[in-house]
């Protein structure tokens, strides 16, 4: 099952690269209002666990880095990674195991500004658990948020699934970004 998840994550990455390169050629205006469409942002994320993680974890906290490429003034592609930690309650800890569940996500996504400043976004990718014998999870994450030239605040739901395990979180991401 782990190989299937890895293959699925690789297929999503390849498809997003091909989609992004072909969409750029077709939708980028000849004279862009922003001469450099690349942005980089760093964020902090916190949330409430859901699914199989809900009984054993009280909250999750993490940090992320996001590279964003503006296809048009209202559509952007995103590449996001970082680290997320689910803090496990004492009564659920396994002796000899890590005290918490850590995940390193690798996600590709699309952000659409339906009105200036407000957006909906969707990301998909793989999450690599950092515990002993950790698994690779399929990540799906829709979001709704507000962004301006430097700040990005979004509410999201992130689902991690695979290996007969399904958990996630409802969270808030606060990020600061800048043009490259």
N, C-alpha and C. Protein backbone atom coordinates (compact mmCIF):
# COMPACT_ATOMS: atom_id res chain seq x y z
N UNK A 1 0.82 -1.19 0.00
CA UNK A 1 0.00 0.00 0.00
C UNK A 1 0.87 1.26 0.00
N UNK A 2 2.05 1.17 0.68
CA UNK A 2 2.94 2.32 0.73
C UNK A 2 3.44 2.67 -0.66
N UNK A 3 3.72 1.64 -1.49
CA UNK A 3 4.19 1.90 -2.85
C UNK A 3 3.10 2.55 -3.69
N UNK A 4 1.86 2.15 -3.48
CA UNK A 4 0.75 2.75 -4.23
C UNK A 4 0.62 4.22 -3.87
N UNK A 5 0.73 4.55 -2.58
CA UNK A 5 0.65 5.95 -2.16
C UNK A 5 1.80 6.76 -2.74
N UNK A 6 3.01 6.20 -2.72
CA UNK A 6 4.16 6.90 -3.30
C UNK A 6 3.98 7.13 -4.79
N UNK A 7 3.48 6.11 -5.50
CA UNK A 7 3.25 6.26 -6.94
C UNK A 7 2.17 7.30 -7.21
N UNK A 8 1.12 7.30 -6.41
CA UNK A 8 0.05 8.29 -6.58
C UNK A 8 0.58 9.70 -6.34
N UNK A 9 1.39 9.87 -5.29
CA UNK A 9 1.96 11.19 -5.02
C UNK A 9 2.87 11.63 -6.17
N UNK A 10 3.67 10.71 -6.70
CA UNK A 10 4.55 11.05 -7.82
C UNK A 10 3.73 11.43 -9.06
N UNK A 11 2.64 10.71 -9.31
CA UNK A 11 1.78 11.03 -10.45
C UNK A 11 1.15 12.40 -10.32
N UNK A 12 0.76 12.78 -9.11
CA UNK A 12 0.18 14.10 -8.88
C UNK A 12 1.21 15.19 -9.16
N UNK A 13 2.44 14.97 -8.69
CA UNK A 13 3.51 15.95 -8.92
C UNK A 13 3.78 16.12 -10.41
N UNK A 14 3.91 15.01 -11.13
CA UNK A 14 4.17 15.07 -12.57
C UNK A 14 3.03 15.76 -13.31
N UNK A 15 1.79 15.41 -12.97
CA UNK A 15 0.63 16.03 -13.62
C UNK A 15 0.59 17.53 -13.35
N UNK A 16 0.90 17.92 -12.12
CA UNK A 16 0.87 19.35 -11.79
C UNK A 16 1.96 20.12 -12.55
N UNK A 17 3.12 19.50 -12.72
CA UNK A 17 4.19 20.17 -13.47
C UNK A 17 3.77 20.36 -14.92
N UNK A 18 3.21 19.32 -15.53
CA UNK A 18 2.77 19.46 -16.92
C UNK A 18 1.62 20.44 -17.04
N UNK A 19 0.66 20.39 -16.10
CA UNK A 19 -0.46 21.33 -16.14
C UNK A 19 0.04 22.76 -15.97
N UNK A 20 0.94 22.95 -15.00
CA UNK A 20 1.45 24.29 -14.73
C UNK A 20 2.19 24.88 -15.91
N UNK A 21 2.99 24.08 -16.60
CA UNK A 21 3.75 24.62 -17.74
C UNK A 21 2.84 24.91 -18.92
N UNK A 22 1.83 24.07 -19.16
CA UNK A 22 0.94 24.34 -20.28
C UNK A 22 -0.03 25.47 -19.95
N UNK A 23 -0.50 25.54 -18.69
CA UNK A 23 -1.42 26.61 -18.31
C UNK A 23 -0.72 27.96 -18.36
N UNK A 24 0.54 28.02 -17.99
CA UNK A 24 1.28 29.27 -18.03
C UNK A 24 1.35 29.81 -19.45
N UNK A 25 1.59 28.94 -20.39
CA UNK A 25 1.72 29.38 -21.78
C UNK A 25 0.39 29.89 -22.32
N UNK A 26 -0.71 29.42 -21.76
CA UNK A 26 -2.01 29.80 -22.31
C UNK A 26 -2.69 30.93 -21.56
N UNK A 27 -2.35 31.15 -20.29
CA UNK A 27 -3.13 32.11 -19.52
C UNK A 27 -2.37 33.33 -19.03
N UNK A 28 -1.07 33.34 -19.13
CA UNK A 28 -0.33 34.50 -18.66
C UNK A 28 -0.50 35.66 -19.64
N UNK A 29 -0.94 36.81 -19.18
CA UNK A 29 -1.12 37.93 -20.10
C UNK A 29 0.22 38.42 -20.64
N UNK A 30 0.20 39.00 -21.83
CA UNK A 30 1.43 39.46 -22.48
C UNK A 30 2.12 40.54 -21.66
N UNK A 31 1.34 41.42 -21.04
CA UNK A 31 1.93 42.44 -20.18
C UNK A 31 1.38 42.24 -18.78
N UNK A 32 2.16 41.62 -17.93
CA UNK A 32 1.75 41.32 -16.57
C UNK A 32 1.92 42.56 -15.70
N UNK A 33 0.94 42.86 -14.80
CA UNK A 33 1.10 44.00 -13.92
C UNK A 33 2.24 43.79 -12.91
N UNK A 34 2.57 42.55 -12.61
CA UNK A 34 3.67 42.23 -11.72
C UNK A 34 4.80 41.66 -12.58
N UNK A 35 5.92 42.36 -12.72
CA UNK A 35 6.98 41.88 -13.58
C UNK A 35 7.60 40.57 -13.09
N UNK A 36 7.54 40.29 -11.78
CA UNK A 36 8.06 39.04 -11.25
C UNK A 36 6.92 38.27 -10.59
N UNK A 37 6.46 37.19 -11.21
CA UNK A 37 5.31 36.46 -10.67
C UNK A 37 5.65 35.52 -9.51
N UNK A 38 6.91 35.40 -9.14
CA UNK A 38 7.32 34.48 -8.07
C UNK A 38 7.20 35.14 -6.70
N UNK A 39 6.69 34.36 -5.72
CA UNK A 39 6.60 34.82 -4.33
C UNK A 39 7.05 33.68 -3.42
N UNK A 40 7.56 34.06 -2.25
CA UNK A 40 7.95 33.08 -1.24
C UNK A 40 7.35 33.52 0.08
N UNK A 41 6.75 32.59 0.78
CA UNK A 41 6.14 32.91 2.07
C UNK A 41 6.48 31.89 3.12
N UNK A 42 6.54 32.35 4.37
CA UNK A 42 6.80 31.49 5.51
C UNK A 42 5.65 31.65 6.49
N UNK A 43 5.12 30.51 6.96
CA UNK A 43 3.95 30.58 7.81
C UNK A 43 4.04 29.70 9.04
N UNK A 44 3.17 30.01 9.98
CA UNK A 44 2.99 29.19 11.16
C UNK A 44 1.55 28.69 11.12
N UNK A 45 1.37 27.42 11.48
CA UNK A 45 0.06 26.79 11.38
C UNK A 45 -0.29 26.09 12.68
N UNK A 46 -1.52 26.19 13.07
CA UNK A 46 -2.02 25.49 14.24
C UNK A 46 -3.40 24.95 13.96
N UNK A 47 -3.75 23.86 14.63
CA UNK A 47 -5.07 23.30 14.36
C UNK A 47 -5.53 22.28 15.38
N UNK A 48 -6.74 21.81 15.15
CA UNK A 48 -7.40 20.82 15.99
C UNK A 48 -7.45 19.51 15.21
N UNK A 49 -6.91 18.42 15.77
CA UNK A 49 -6.91 17.14 15.06
C UNK A 49 -8.31 16.59 14.83
N UNK A 50 -8.46 15.85 13.73
CA UNK A 50 -9.72 15.20 13.38
C UNK A 50 -9.45 13.74 13.03
N UNK A 51 -10.49 12.99 12.83
CA UNK A 51 -10.35 11.60 12.41
C UNK A 51 -9.68 10.74 13.47
N UNK A 52 -8.82 9.80 13.02
CA UNK A 52 -8.16 8.86 13.93
C UNK A 52 -7.23 9.56 14.92
N UNK A 53 -6.77 10.77 14.64
CA UNK A 53 -5.87 11.50 15.55
C UNK A 53 -6.63 12.25 16.64
N UNK A 54 -7.93 12.42 16.47
CA UNK A 54 -8.70 13.25 17.41
C UNK A 54 -8.63 12.75 18.86
N UNK A 55 -8.83 11.47 19.14
CA UNK A 55 -8.80 11.06 20.55
C UNK A 55 -7.40 11.15 21.17
N UNK A 56 -6.35 10.92 20.38
CA UNK A 56 -5.00 10.80 20.95
C UNK A 56 -4.20 12.09 20.92
N UNK A 57 -4.65 13.11 20.19
CA UNK A 57 -3.89 14.35 20.07
C UNK A 57 -4.77 15.54 20.41
N UNK A 58 -4.23 16.45 21.20
CA UNK A 58 -5.00 17.63 21.59
C UNK A 58 -4.93 18.77 20.58
N UNK A 59 -3.76 18.92 19.92
CA UNK A 59 -3.61 19.98 18.93
C UNK A 59 -2.41 19.68 18.04
N UNK A 60 -2.32 20.41 16.94
CA UNK A 60 -1.17 20.30 16.04
C UNK A 60 -0.61 21.68 15.79
N UNK A 61 0.70 21.74 15.58
CA UNK A 61 1.40 22.99 15.35
C UNK A 61 2.52 22.73 14.36
N UNK A 62 2.73 23.67 13.45
CA UNK A 62 3.78 23.48 12.46
C UNK A 62 4.19 24.77 11.79
N UNK A 63 5.16 24.63 10.91
CA UNK A 63 5.64 25.74 10.12
C UNK A 63 5.72 25.31 8.66
N UNK A 64 5.63 26.29 7.77
CA UNK A 64 5.66 25.94 6.35
C UNK A 64 6.36 27.02 5.53
N UNK A 65 6.84 26.59 4.39
CA UNK A 65 7.39 27.49 3.38
C UNK A 65 6.60 27.24 2.11
N UNK A 66 6.21 28.30 1.43
CA UNK A 66 5.40 28.17 0.22
C UNK A 66 6.00 29.02 -0.89
N UNK A 67 6.25 28.37 -2.01
CA UNK A 67 6.68 29.05 -3.23
C UNK A 67 5.44 29.18 -4.10
N UNK A 68 5.18 30.40 -4.57
CA UNK A 68 3.97 30.66 -5.35
C UNK A 68 4.33 31.31 -6.67
N UNK A 69 3.66 30.86 -7.73
CA UNK A 69 3.86 31.44 -9.06
C UNK A 69 2.51 31.93 -9.56
N UNK A 70 2.40 33.23 -9.86
CA UNK A 70 1.16 33.82 -10.34
C UNK A 70 1.01 33.58 -11.83
N UNK A 71 0.02 32.75 -12.19
CA UNK A 71 -0.28 32.53 -13.61
C UNK A 71 -0.96 33.76 -14.20
N UNK A 72 -1.94 34.27 -13.45
CA UNK A 72 -2.66 35.48 -13.83
C UNK A 72 -2.83 36.30 -12.54
N UNK A 73 -3.55 37.39 -12.62
CA UNK A 73 -3.79 38.19 -11.41
C UNK A 73 -4.72 37.49 -10.43
N UNK A 74 -5.43 36.44 -10.87
CA UNK A 74 -6.35 35.76 -9.97
C UNK A 74 -6.04 34.28 -9.75
N UNK A 75 -5.07 33.69 -10.44
CA UNK A 75 -4.76 32.26 -10.29
C UNK A 75 -3.26 32.09 -10.07
N UNK A 76 -2.93 31.30 -9.04
CA UNK A 76 -1.53 31.03 -8.71
C UNK A 76 -1.33 29.55 -8.47
N UNK A 77 -0.13 29.07 -8.78
CA UNK A 77 0.28 27.72 -8.44
C UNK A 77 1.12 27.79 -7.18
N UNK A 78 1.05 26.74 -6.34
CA UNK A 78 1.78 26.74 -5.07
C UNK A 78 2.54 25.43 -4.89
N UNK A 79 3.70 25.53 -4.27
CA UNK A 79 4.48 24.38 -3.81
C UNK A 79 4.75 24.63 -2.34
N UNK A 80 4.27 23.73 -1.47
CA UNK A 80 4.35 23.94 -0.03
C UNK A 80 5.01 22.76 0.65
N UNK A 81 5.87 23.06 1.62
CA UNK A 81 6.47 22.03 2.46
C UNK A 81 6.73 22.63 3.83
N UNK A 82 7.14 21.80 4.77
CA UNK A 82 7.41 22.29 6.12
C UNK A 82 7.44 21.14 7.10
N UNK A 83 6.88 21.36 8.27
CA UNK A 83 6.81 20.34 9.30
C UNK A 83 5.57 20.58 10.14
N UNK A 84 4.85 19.50 10.42
CA UNK A 84 3.66 19.55 11.27
C UNK A 84 3.81 18.55 12.39
N UNK A 85 3.49 18.94 13.61
CA UNK A 85 3.62 18.07 14.77
C UNK A 85 2.26 17.91 15.45
N UNK A 86 1.81 16.66 15.58
CA UNK A 86 0.62 16.35 16.36
C UNK A 86 1.10 15.98 17.76
N UNK A 87 0.69 16.75 18.76
CA UNK A 87 1.11 16.50 20.14
C UNK A 87 0.23 15.41 20.74
N UNK A 88 0.84 14.27 21.03
CA UNK A 88 0.11 13.10 21.52
C UNK A 88 -0.08 13.22 23.04
N UNK A 89 -1.30 12.90 23.49
CA UNK A 89 -1.62 12.93 24.92
C UNK A 89 -0.87 11.80 25.62
N UNK A 90 -0.52 12.01 26.89
CA UNK A 90 0.29 11.05 27.65
C UNK A 90 -0.30 9.64 27.66
N UNK A 91 -1.60 9.51 27.83
CA UNK A 91 -2.20 8.18 27.95
C UNK A 91 -2.16 7.39 26.64
N UNK A 92 -1.83 8.05 25.51
CA UNK A 92 -1.77 7.37 24.22
C UNK A 92 -0.34 7.12 23.74
N UNK A 93 0.63 7.54 24.50
CA UNK A 93 2.03 7.36 24.08
C UNK A 93 2.45 5.92 24.22
N UNK A 94 3.22 5.44 23.23
CA UNK A 94 3.73 4.08 23.23
C UNK A 94 5.15 4.10 23.76
N UNK A 95 5.47 3.27 24.77
CA UNK A 95 6.84 3.26 25.31
C UNK A 95 7.86 2.94 24.21
N UNK A 96 8.95 3.70 24.19
CA UNK A 96 10.01 3.48 23.20
C UNK A 96 9.76 4.18 21.87
N UNK A 97 8.60 4.74 21.68
CA UNK A 97 8.27 5.45 20.44
C UNK A 97 8.44 6.96 20.65
N UNK A 98 8.40 7.68 19.56
CA UNK A 98 8.47 9.14 19.63
C UNK A 98 7.29 9.65 20.45
N UNK A 99 7.49 10.77 21.14
CA UNK A 99 6.43 11.31 21.97
C UNK A 99 5.30 11.92 21.15
N UNK A 100 5.61 12.33 19.93
CA UNK A 100 4.61 12.99 19.10
C UNK A 100 4.66 12.44 17.68
N UNK A 101 3.68 12.78 16.87
CA UNK A 101 3.64 12.37 15.48
C UNK A 101 4.01 13.57 14.61
N UNK A 102 5.13 13.47 13.93
CA UNK A 102 5.58 14.53 13.04
C UNK A 102 5.34 14.14 11.59
N UNK A 103 5.05 15.13 10.75
CA UNK A 103 4.81 14.90 9.33
C UNK A 103 5.52 15.98 8.53
N UNK A 104 6.20 15.55 7.48
CA UNK A 104 6.82 16.48 6.53
C UNK A 104 5.97 16.42 5.25
N UNK A 105 5.21 17.48 4.96
CA UNK A 105 4.37 17.48 3.76
C UNK A 105 5.12 18.00 2.53
N UNK A 106 4.72 17.50 1.38
CA UNK A 106 5.16 18.02 0.08
C UNK A 106 3.90 18.13 -0.76
N UNK A 107 3.42 19.38 -0.99
CA UNK A 107 2.12 19.59 -1.64
C UNK A 107 2.24 20.54 -2.82
N UNK A 108 1.43 20.27 -3.83
CA UNK A 108 1.24 21.18 -4.96
C UNK A 108 -0.20 21.64 -4.91
N UNK A 109 -0.43 22.90 -5.31
CA UNK A 109 -1.79 23.38 -5.25
C UNK A 109 -2.06 24.56 -6.16
N UNK A 110 -3.32 24.96 -6.14
CA UNK A 110 -3.81 26.10 -6.93
C UNK A 110 -4.56 27.03 -6.00
N UNK A 111 -4.33 28.32 -6.16
CA UNK A 111 -5.02 29.36 -5.38
C UNK A 111 -5.76 30.25 -6.37
N UNK A 112 -7.06 30.46 -6.11
CA UNK A 112 -7.89 31.29 -6.99
C UNK A 112 -8.50 32.43 -6.19
N UNK A 113 -8.20 33.66 -6.59
CA UNK A 113 -8.77 34.85 -5.96
C UNK A 113 -10.09 35.16 -6.65
N UNK A 114 -11.21 34.86 -5.99
CA UNK A 114 -12.52 35.09 -6.60
C UNK A 114 -12.95 36.54 -6.50
N UNK A 115 -12.41 37.30 -5.56
CA UNK A 115 -12.50 38.76 -5.49
C UNK A 115 -11.13 39.22 -4.97
N UNK A 116 -10.75 40.46 -5.21
CA UNK A 116 -9.43 40.90 -4.74
C UNK A 116 -9.25 40.67 -3.24
N UNK A 117 -8.19 39.95 -2.90
CA UNK A 117 -7.87 39.68 -1.51
C UNK A 117 -8.41 38.38 -0.95
N UNK A 118 -9.52 37.86 -1.47
CA UNK A 118 -10.12 36.63 -0.95
C UNK A 118 -9.89 35.48 -1.92
N UNK A 119 -9.53 34.31 -1.38
CA UNK A 119 -9.22 33.18 -2.25
C UNK A 119 -9.75 31.86 -1.71
N UNK A 120 -9.87 30.91 -2.62
CA UNK A 120 -10.06 29.50 -2.30
C UNK A 120 -8.84 28.80 -2.87
N UNK A 121 -8.42 27.74 -2.20
CA UNK A 121 -7.23 27.02 -2.64
C UNK A 121 -7.43 25.54 -2.42
N UNK A 122 -6.68 24.76 -3.15
CA UNK A 122 -6.67 23.32 -2.97
C UNK A 122 -5.26 22.80 -3.19
N UNK A 123 -4.84 21.90 -2.32
CA UNK A 123 -3.51 21.30 -2.44
C UNK A 123 -3.62 19.79 -2.32
N UNK A 124 -2.68 19.09 -2.96
CA UNK A 124 -2.58 17.64 -2.87
C UNK A 124 -1.11 17.28 -2.87
N UNK A 125 -0.79 16.17 -2.22
CA UNK A 125 0.60 15.75 -2.18
C UNK A 125 0.81 14.57 -1.28
N UNK A 126 2.01 14.48 -0.74
CA UNK A 126 2.40 13.37 0.13
C UNK A 126 2.87 13.91 1.47
N UNK A 127 2.59 13.15 2.53
CA UNK A 127 3.05 13.49 3.87
C UNK A 127 3.89 12.34 4.39
N UNK A 128 5.07 12.65 4.85
CA UNK A 128 6.00 11.62 5.32
C UNK A 128 6.07 11.66 6.84
N UNK A 129 5.54 10.60 7.49
CA UNK A 129 5.55 10.54 8.95
C UNK A 129 6.98 10.34 9.44
N UNK A 130 7.35 11.06 10.50
CA UNK A 130 8.72 11.01 11.00
C UNK A 130 8.91 10.03 12.15
N UNK A 131 7.88 9.29 12.54
CA UNK A 131 8.00 8.30 13.60
C UNK A 131 8.67 7.04 13.05
N UNK A 132 9.11 6.16 13.97
CA UNK A 132 9.72 4.90 13.58
C UNK A 132 8.76 4.13 12.68
N UNK A 133 9.26 3.60 11.58
CA UNK A 133 8.44 2.90 10.59
C UNK A 133 7.29 3.77 10.10
N UNK A 134 7.54 5.06 9.96
CA UNK A 134 6.52 6.00 9.50
C UNK A 134 6.05 5.69 8.10
N UNK A 135 4.83 6.02 7.84
CA UNK A 135 4.22 5.78 6.54
C UNK A 135 4.20 7.06 5.70
N UNK A 136 3.86 6.89 4.44
CA UNK A 136 3.63 8.02 3.54
C UNK A 136 2.13 8.14 3.35
N UNK A 137 1.61 9.32 3.57
CA UNK A 137 0.17 9.57 3.49
C UNK A 137 -0.16 10.44 2.29
N UNK A 138 -1.32 10.21 1.70
CA UNK A 138 -1.87 11.10 0.69
C UNK A 138 -2.45 12.30 1.42
N UNK A 139 -2.10 13.50 0.98
CA UNK A 139 -2.61 14.73 1.61
C UNK A 139 -3.56 15.42 0.64
N UNK A 140 -4.73 15.79 1.13
CA UNK A 140 -5.68 16.64 0.40
C UNK A 140 -6.05 17.77 1.34
N UNK A 141 -5.99 19.02 0.83
CA UNK A 141 -6.19 20.16 1.71
C UNK A 141 -6.86 21.34 1.00
N UNK A 142 -8.18 21.53 1.21
CA UNK A 142 -8.84 22.74 0.72
C UNK A 142 -8.66 23.88 1.73
N UNK A 143 -8.72 25.12 1.25
CA UNK A 143 -8.54 26.28 2.13
C UNK A 143 -9.36 27.47 1.64
N UNK A 144 -9.64 28.36 2.56
CA UNK A 144 -10.30 29.64 2.27
C UNK A 144 -9.50 30.69 3.02
N UNK A 145 -9.17 31.80 2.34
CA UNK A 145 -8.33 32.77 3.02
C UNK A 145 -8.37 34.16 2.45
N UNK A 146 -7.56 35.01 3.07
CA UNK A 146 -7.39 36.41 2.68
C UNK A 146 -5.90 36.67 2.55
N UNK A 147 -5.50 37.39 1.51
CA UNK A 147 -4.09 37.73 1.31
C UNK A 147 -3.97 39.11 0.71
N UNK A 148 -2.88 39.79 1.10
CA UNK A 148 -2.52 41.05 0.45
C UNK A 148 -1.08 40.91 -0.03
N UNK A 149 -0.41 42.00 -0.22
CA UNK A 149 0.95 41.97 -0.78
C UNK A 149 1.93 41.18 0.09
N UNK A 150 1.76 41.20 1.41
CA UNK A 150 2.70 40.52 2.30
C UNK A 150 2.07 39.47 3.20
N UNK A 151 0.84 39.64 3.63
CA UNK A 151 0.23 38.75 4.61
C UNK A 151 -0.76 37.80 3.96
N UNK A 152 -0.84 36.60 4.53
CA UNK A 152 -1.77 35.57 4.06
C UNK A 152 -2.33 34.86 5.28
N UNK A 153 -3.65 34.91 5.45
CA UNK A 153 -4.33 34.24 6.56
C UNK A 153 -5.36 33.31 5.96
N UNK A 154 -5.26 32.02 6.29
CA UNK A 154 -6.18 31.06 5.71
C UNK A 154 -6.64 30.02 6.70
N UNK A 155 -7.86 29.56 6.52
CA UNK A 155 -8.43 28.46 7.28
C UNK A 155 -8.44 27.26 6.34
N UNK A 156 -7.97 26.11 6.86
CA UNK A 156 -7.90 24.95 5.98
C UNK A 156 -8.30 23.68 6.71
N UNK A 157 -8.61 22.68 5.92
CA UNK A 157 -8.79 21.32 6.42
C UNK A 157 -7.74 20.47 5.71
N UNK A 158 -6.94 19.74 6.46
CA UNK A 158 -5.93 18.88 5.87
C UNK A 158 -6.22 17.45 6.26
N UNK A 159 -6.30 16.57 5.25
CA UNK A 159 -6.57 15.15 5.47
C UNK A 159 -5.35 14.35 5.08
N UNK A 160 -4.92 13.45 5.97
CA UNK A 160 -3.82 12.52 5.72
C UNK A 160 -4.42 11.12 5.69
N UNK A 161 -4.28 10.41 4.57
CA UNK A 161 -4.88 9.08 4.49
C UNK A 161 -3.92 8.09 3.85
N UNK A 162 -4.09 6.84 4.24
CA UNK A 162 -3.29 5.75 3.70
C UNK A 162 -2.95 4.74 4.77
N UNK A 163 -2.65 3.51 4.38
CA UNK A 163 -2.29 2.43 5.28
C UNK A 163 -3.36 2.20 6.35
N UNK A 164 -4.61 2.20 5.95
CA UNK A 164 -5.76 1.97 6.83
C UNK A 164 -5.83 2.97 7.98
N UNK A 165 -5.36 4.17 7.74
CA UNK A 165 -5.33 5.21 8.75
C UNK A 165 -5.79 6.51 8.08
N UNK A 166 -6.64 7.26 8.78
CA UNK A 166 -7.18 8.48 8.20
C UNK A 166 -7.32 9.52 9.31
N UNK A 167 -6.53 10.57 9.23
CA UNK A 167 -6.61 11.62 10.23
C UNK A 167 -6.36 12.96 9.55
N UNK A 168 -6.55 14.04 10.29
CA UNK A 168 -6.36 15.36 9.70
C UNK A 168 -6.44 16.43 10.76
N UNK A 169 -6.68 17.66 10.28
CA UNK A 169 -6.83 18.79 11.20
C UNK A 169 -7.58 19.92 10.51
N UNK A 170 -8.27 20.68 11.33
CA UNK A 170 -8.87 21.94 10.90
C UNK A 170 -7.95 22.99 11.48
N UNK A 171 -7.37 23.83 10.61
CA UNK A 171 -6.34 24.72 11.11
C UNK A 171 -6.38 26.12 10.54
N UNK A 172 -5.48 26.94 11.07
CA UNK A 172 -5.30 28.33 10.67
C UNK A 172 -3.83 28.51 10.30
N UNK A 173 -3.58 29.16 9.16
CA UNK A 173 -2.21 29.45 8.73
C UNK A 173 -2.05 30.97 8.64
N UNK A 174 -1.01 31.48 9.30
CA UNK A 174 -0.66 32.89 9.23
C UNK A 174 0.74 32.95 8.59
N UNK A 175 0.85 33.66 7.48
CA UNK A 175 2.12 33.68 6.75
C UNK A 175 2.50 35.08 6.32
N UNK A 176 3.81 35.26 6.16
CA UNK A 176 4.36 36.50 5.62
C UNK A 176 5.09 36.14 4.33
N UNK A 177 4.78 36.87 3.25
CA UNK A 177 5.39 36.57 1.96
C UNK A 177 5.99 37.80 1.31
N UNK A 178 6.82 37.56 0.31
CA UNK A 178 7.47 38.63 -0.41
C UNK A 178 7.80 38.16 -1.81
N UNK A 179 7.94 39.10 -2.73
CA UNK A 179 8.30 38.80 -4.11
C UNK A 179 9.76 38.43 -4.21
N UNK A 180 10.06 37.57 -5.17
CA UNK A 180 11.46 37.17 -5.38
C UNK A 180 12.09 37.97 -6.50
